Protein backbone atom coordinates (compact mmCIF):
# COMPACT_ATOMS: atom_id res chain seq x y z
CA UNK A 1 36.60 12.79 29.68
CA UNK A 2 38.43 15.07 32.24
CA UNK A 3 36.36 17.25 34.71
CA UNK A 4 37.10 18.66 37.98
CA UNK A 5 36.20 21.52 40.15
CA UNK A 6 33.75 22.41 42.54
CA UNK A 7 29.75 21.80 42.08
CA UNK A 8 27.94 24.94 41.99
CA UNK A 9 30.81 27.33 40.95
CA UNK A 10 31.54 29.05 37.83
CA UNK A 11 34.90 28.29 36.98
CA UNK A 12 37.23 29.06 33.76
CA UNK A 13 40.89 28.33 32.86
CA UNK A 14 43.03 31.23 31.42
CA UNK A 15 46.39 29.55 31.28
CA UNK A 16 48.22 26.28 30.48
CA UNK A 17 51.49 24.71 30.28
CA UNK A 18 52.99 21.29 29.83
CA UNK A 19 56.04 20.04 31.90
CA UNK A 20 58.64 18.02 30.27
CA UNK A 21 57.01 14.91 31.99
CA UNK A 22 53.69 15.65 30.44
CA UNK A 23 52.02 16.81 33.19
CA UNK A 24 49.47 19.46 32.41
CA UNK A 25 48.96 22.65 34.16
CA UNK A 26 46.13 24.88 33.90
CA UNK A 27 45.38 28.15 35.84
CA UNK A 28 42.29 30.48 36.19
CA UNK A 29 39.49 31.20 38.70
CA UNK A 30 36.44 29.96 40.18
CA UNK A 31 33.50 31.97 41.37
CA UNK A 32 30.38 30.72 43.62
CA UNK A 33 27.07 30.92 42.30
CA UNK A 34 27.88 32.63 38.98
CA UNK A 35 29.11 35.79 41.29
CA UNK A 36 31.52 38.22 39.80
CA UNK A 37 33.35 39.58 42.60
CA UNK A 38 33.49 36.46 44.95
CA UNK A 39 35.94 34.09 42.95
CA UNK A 40 39.01 32.12 44.08
CA UNK A 41 42.50 31.59 41.85
CA UNK A 42 42.15 27.95 40.62
CA UNK A 43 45.23 25.63 39.52
CA UNK A 44 44.52 21.91 38.35
CA UNK A 45 47.20 19.48 37.52
CA UNK A 46 46.78 16.55 35.14
CA UNK A 47 49.14 13.42 34.28
CA UNK A 48 49.84 13.06 30.46
CA UNK A 49 46.85 10.55 30.50
CA UNK A 50 44.64 13.16 31.43
CA UNK A 51 43.86 11.86 35.03
CA UNK A 52 43.57 14.80 37.69
CA UNK A 53 46.93 14.78 40.07
CA UNK A 54 45.44 17.75 42.15
CA UNK A 55 43.70 21.12 42.29
CA UNK A 56 44.65 24.51 44.49
CA UNK A 57 41.59 26.72 44.86
CA UNK A 58 42.38 29.58 47.38
CA UNK A 59 41.91 33.12 47.80
CA UNK A 60 44.89 35.47 48.52
CA UNK A 61 43.00 38.56 50.04
CA UNK A 62 39.66 39.33 49.46
CA UNK A 63 37.89 36.87 47.55
CA UNK A 64 38.36 38.24 43.83
CA UNK A 65 41.53 36.42 42.72
CA UNK A 66 42.51 35.14 39.16
CA UNK A 67 45.47 33.28 37.82
CA UNK A 68 45.82 34.56 34.47
CA UNK A 69 48.98 32.42 33.02
CA UNK A 70 51.47 29.47 34.16
CA UNK A 71 55.02 28.89 32.62
CA UNK A 72 57.09 25.78 33.30
CA UNK A 73 60.34 25.87 35.07
CA UNK A 74 63.33 23.84 34.70
CA UNK A 75 63.11 21.91 37.57
CA UNK A 76 59.22 20.80 36.60
CA UNK A 77 57.84 23.32 38.82
CA UNK A 78 55.92 26.51 38.05
CA UNK A 79 55.32 30.05 38.09
CA UNK A 80 51.68 31.60 37.84
CA UNK A 81 50.52 35.06 37.11
CA UNK A 82 47.63 36.99 37.78
CA UNK A 83 45.55 39.51 39.82
CA UNK A 84 43.98 39.78 43.52
CA UNK A 85 41.73 42.03 45.19
CA UNK A 86 43.89 42.26 48.71
CA UNK A 87 41.45 43.15 51.28
CA UNK A 88 40.14 47.10 51.46
CA UNK A 89 42.48 48.05 48.38
CA UNK A 90 40.41 49.91 45.65
CA UNK A 91 42.21 47.97 43.02
CA UNK A 92 43.74 44.59 42.07
CA UNK A 93 47.25 43.84 42.79
CA UNK A 94 49.48 42.11 40.35
CA UNK A 95 50.35 38.68 41.95
CA UNK A 96 52.77 35.83 41.05
CA UNK A 97 53.82 32.73 42.47
CA UNK A 98 56.40 30.00 42.32
CA UNK A 99 55.26 26.49 42.64
CA UNK A 100 57.04 23.32 42.95
CA UNK A 101 56.78 20.00 40.92
CA UNK A 102 54.09 18.87 43.28
CA UNK A 103 52.19 21.99 43.10
CA UNK A 104 53.11 23.53 46.67
CA UNK A 105 53.73 27.26 46.88
CA UNK A 106 57.72 28.12 47.34
CA UNK A 107 57.20 31.93 47.28
CA UNK A 108 54.89 34.64 46.05
CA UNK A 109 55.21 38.45 44.95
CA UNK A 110 52.79 41.45 45.04
CA UNK A 111 52.88 44.45 42.90
CA UNK A 112 50.33 46.86 44.47
CA UNK A 113 49.59 50.54 43.70
CA UNK A 114 46.92 52.66 44.47
CA UNK A 115 45.27 51.52 40.73
CA UNK A 116 44.68 48.16 39.44
CA UNK A 117 47.43 46.18 38.50
CA UNK A 118 47.20 42.87 37.22
CA UNK A 119 50.18 40.43 35.56
CA UNK A 120 48.41 38.81 32.15
CA UNK A 121 51.28 36.78 30.33
CA UNK A 122 54.72 34.87 31.15
CA UNK A 123 57.36 33.47 29.80
CA UNK A 124 60.61 31.39 30.83
CA UNK A 125 64.03 32.77 30.10
CA UNK A 126 66.83 30.58 29.22
CA UNK A 127 68.56 31.51 32.58
CA UNK A 128 65.92 30.20 34.62
CA UNK A 129 64.51 33.58 35.22
CA UNK A 130 61.46 35.02 33.75
CA UNK A 131 59.34 37.87 31.97
CA UNK A 132 55.71 38.85 32.65
CA UNK A 133 53.65 41.34 31.27
CA UNK A 134 51.97 43.51 33.71
CA UNK A 135 49.15 46.15 33.46
CA UNK A 136 48.73 49.52 36.06
CA UNK A 137 45.48 51.05 35.95
CA UNK A 138 45.80 54.77 35.60
CA UNK A 139 43.46 57.80 36.04
CA UNK A 140 40.68 57.10 33.11
CA UNK A 141 40.66 53.47 33.52
CA UNK A 142 43.34 52.76 30.91
CA UNK A 143 46.20 50.36 31.58
CA UNK A 144 50.08 51.37 31.15
CA UNK A 145 51.66 48.14 30.05
CA UNK A 146 55.21 47.14 31.29
CA UNK A 147 57.35 44.24 30.57
CA UNK A 148 58.82 42.79 33.93
CA UNK A 149 61.96 40.85 34.09
CA UNK A 150 62.51 38.63 37.10
CA UNK A 151 65.56 36.10 38.10
CA UNK A 152 65.12 32.55 38.86
CA UNK A 153 64.25 33.46 42.60
CA UNK A 154 61.71 36.19 41.57
CA UNK A 155 64.40 39.02 42.02
CA UNK A 156 63.35 41.95 39.92
CA UNK A 157 66.20 42.45 37.39
CA UNK A 158 64.23 44.94 35.14
CA UNK A 159 60.97 47.00 34.26
CA UNK A 160 59.93 48.83 31.54
CA UNK A 161 56.98 50.83 31.11
CA UNK A 162 55.43 51.88 28.02
CA UNK A 163 53.71 55.64 28.51
CA UNK A 164 51.96 56.27 25.09
CA UNK A 165 50.97 59.68 24.51
CA UNK A 166 47.15 60.13 24.60
CA UNK A 167 47.19 62.02 21.42
CA UNK A 168 48.65 59.75 19.55
């Protein structure tokens, strides 16, 4: 049995990836005492035998942070995606960050609009870049789905939003 986390918190994993060396990375969030908007992102790394190698629990902005998915990079690191309620912003901001093989942050990127934004999925590309799914909130509470492609260093290559006709 493998356990980790913080006693007295409500924890959830949302995404998982396995590196070439067998290290398993899992991402999610922790919420103190079951609170719905007092949570930090959570990343845990396990060796191939299930031994906890390390955890990272932190808040990016205002205490409502989620990591939704993770993908492995060619060098044994990872890119994680999610959302964060930053300061006094009225909505969540889409957030992604690059980690080295030991789990330390290399860089991060934020997409912020006046509405709710969130990255929900990620896949690595053969060139070392990655594609992510993004939801941007619009009036009425719906999301506009987008596909966003980044290069290996997090440079935006392109973004395609899908604006469906509400009458359809």
